[in-house]
Amino acid sequence: MHIRLLEVRLRLYRVASIKERRSVVDGLIVRLRRQFNVSVAEIPSDERDLVILALANVSSDGAYADGIMEEILERLGSSRDFYVEDHRVEVL
């Protein structure tokens, strides 16, 4: 069994309210879960424009798990709503 954990820090563009922030984050979490079959959790942050997400993937194939995390990072990097400020991948 191969487990990959991805922690990603996203900086949101043009977020004027918590309601706008929630709209972007909730939609992103649903899309990630649906498209990549990963577990996603938001880590609380005091900054309105900062989103920290933790993603986990469990697979029988380590290369596949690595590929999923790389594809997620590529997809996040192409968003118009935010940019990837930092990320960290852990292999368990």
Protein backbone atom coordinates (compact mmCIF):
# COMPACT_ATOMS: atom_id res chain seq x y z
CA MET A 1 0.00 0.00 0.00
CA HIS A 2 1.34 3.43 -1.00
CA ILE A 3 0.13 6.60 0.68
CA ARG A 4 0.82 10.10 -0.58
CA LEU A 5 0.02 13.26 1.37
CA LEU A 6 0.05 16.65 -0.31
CA GLU A 7 -0.15 19.89 1.61
CA VAL A 8 -0.64 22.88 -0.64
CA ARG A 9 -0.82 26.60 0.16
CA LEU A 10 -2.96 28.59 -2.25
CA ARG A 11 -3.17 32.38 -2.43
CA LEU A 12 -6.56 33.56 -3.71
CA TYR A 13 -6.94 36.42 -6.19
CA ARG A 14 -9.65 39.08 -5.77
CA VAL A 15 -11.35 37.76 -2.64
CA ALA A 16 -13.25 40.57 -0.96
CA SER A 17 -15.37 38.55 1.45
CA ILE A 18 -15.47 35.29 3.32
CA LYS A 19 -18.48 34.32 1.20
CA GLU A 20 -16.41 34.64 -2.00
CA ARG A 21 -13.58 32.68 -0.40
CA ARG A 22 -15.93 29.89 0.64
CA SER A 23 -17.39 29.69 -2.86
CA VAL A 24 -13.96 29.20 -4.45
CA VAL A 25 -12.70 26.75 -1.82
CA ASP A 26 -15.83 24.59 -1.67
CA GLY A 27 -15.95 24.26 -5.45
CA LEU A 28 -12.27 23.35 -5.57
CA ILE A 29 -12.61 20.67 -2.91
CA VAL A 30 -15.57 19.07 -4.68
CA ARG A 31 -13.73 19.06 -8.04
CA LEU A 32 -10.56 17.55 -6.54
CA ARG A 33 -12.50 14.78 -4.81
CA ARG A 34 -14.50 13.97 -7.93
CA GLN A 35 -11.71 14.16 -10.54
CA PHE A 36 -8.88 12.53 -8.61
CA ASN A 37 -10.57 10.35 -5.99
CA VAL A 38 -8.52 11.86 -3.16
CA SER A 39 -9.43 12.85 0.37
CA VAL A 40 -9.29 16.63 0.86
CA ALA A 41 -9.40 18.72 4.03
CA GLU A 42 -9.01 22.44 4.54
CA ILE A 43 -6.58 23.49 7.27
CA PRO A 44 -7.74 26.67 9.04
CA SER A 45 -5.91 29.91 8.27
CA ASP A 46 -6.24 33.39 9.75
CA GLU A 47 -5.64 35.09 6.40
CA ARG A 48 -8.66 35.55 4.16
CA ASP A 49 -6.72 35.07 0.93
CA LEU A 50 -4.72 32.02 2.09
CA VAL A 51 -6.09 28.50 1.67
CA ILE A 52 -4.22 25.47 3.00
CA LEU A 53 -5.41 22.10 1.75
CA ALA A 54 -4.29 18.63 2.77
CA LEU A 55 -4.87 15.86 0.22
CA ALA A 56 -4.35 12.13 0.64
CA ASN A 57 -4.24 9.28 -1.86
CA VAL A 58 -3.92 5.56 -1.12
CA SER A 59 -2.95 3.25 -3.96
CA SER A 60 -1.48 -0.18 -4.58
CA ASP A 61 0.93 1.40 -7.11
CA GLY A 62 3.42 4.02 -5.92
CA ALA A 63 4.05 5.43 -9.39
CA TYR A 64 0.33 5.92 -9.90
CA ALA A 65 0.02 7.73 -6.55
CA ASP A 66 2.93 10.01 -7.47
CA GLY A 67 1.34 10.73 -10.84
CA ILE A 68 -1.96 11.69 -9.24
CA MET A 69 -0.25 14.21 -6.95
CA GLU A 70 1.73 15.68 -9.87
CA GLU A 71 -1.42 16.00 -11.95
CA ILE A 72 -3.21 17.74 -9.06
CA LEU A 73 -0.36 20.25 -8.74
CA GLU A 74 -0.44 20.93 -12.48
CA ARG A 75 -4.20 21.47 -12.38
CA LEU A 76 -3.93 23.78 -9.37
CA GLY A 77 -1.15 25.75 -11.06
CA SER A 78 -3.36 26.54 -14.03
CA SER A 79 -6.21 28.10 -12.04
CA ARG A 80 -7.37 31.68 -12.55
CA ASP A 81 -8.78 31.95 -9.01
CA PHE A 82 -5.52 31.41 -7.10
CA TYR A 83 -1.85 30.56 -7.37
CA VAL A 84 0.15 27.85 -5.63
CA GLU A 85 2.34 29.57 -3.06
CA ASP A 86 3.96 26.39 -1.69
CA HIS A 87 3.47 22.66 -1.53
CA ARG A 88 4.89 19.59 0.18
CA VAL A 89 4.47 15.91 -0.68
CA GLU A 90 5.00 13.18 1.91
CA VAL A 91 5.43 9.51 1.12
CA LEU A 92 4.22 7.08 3.77
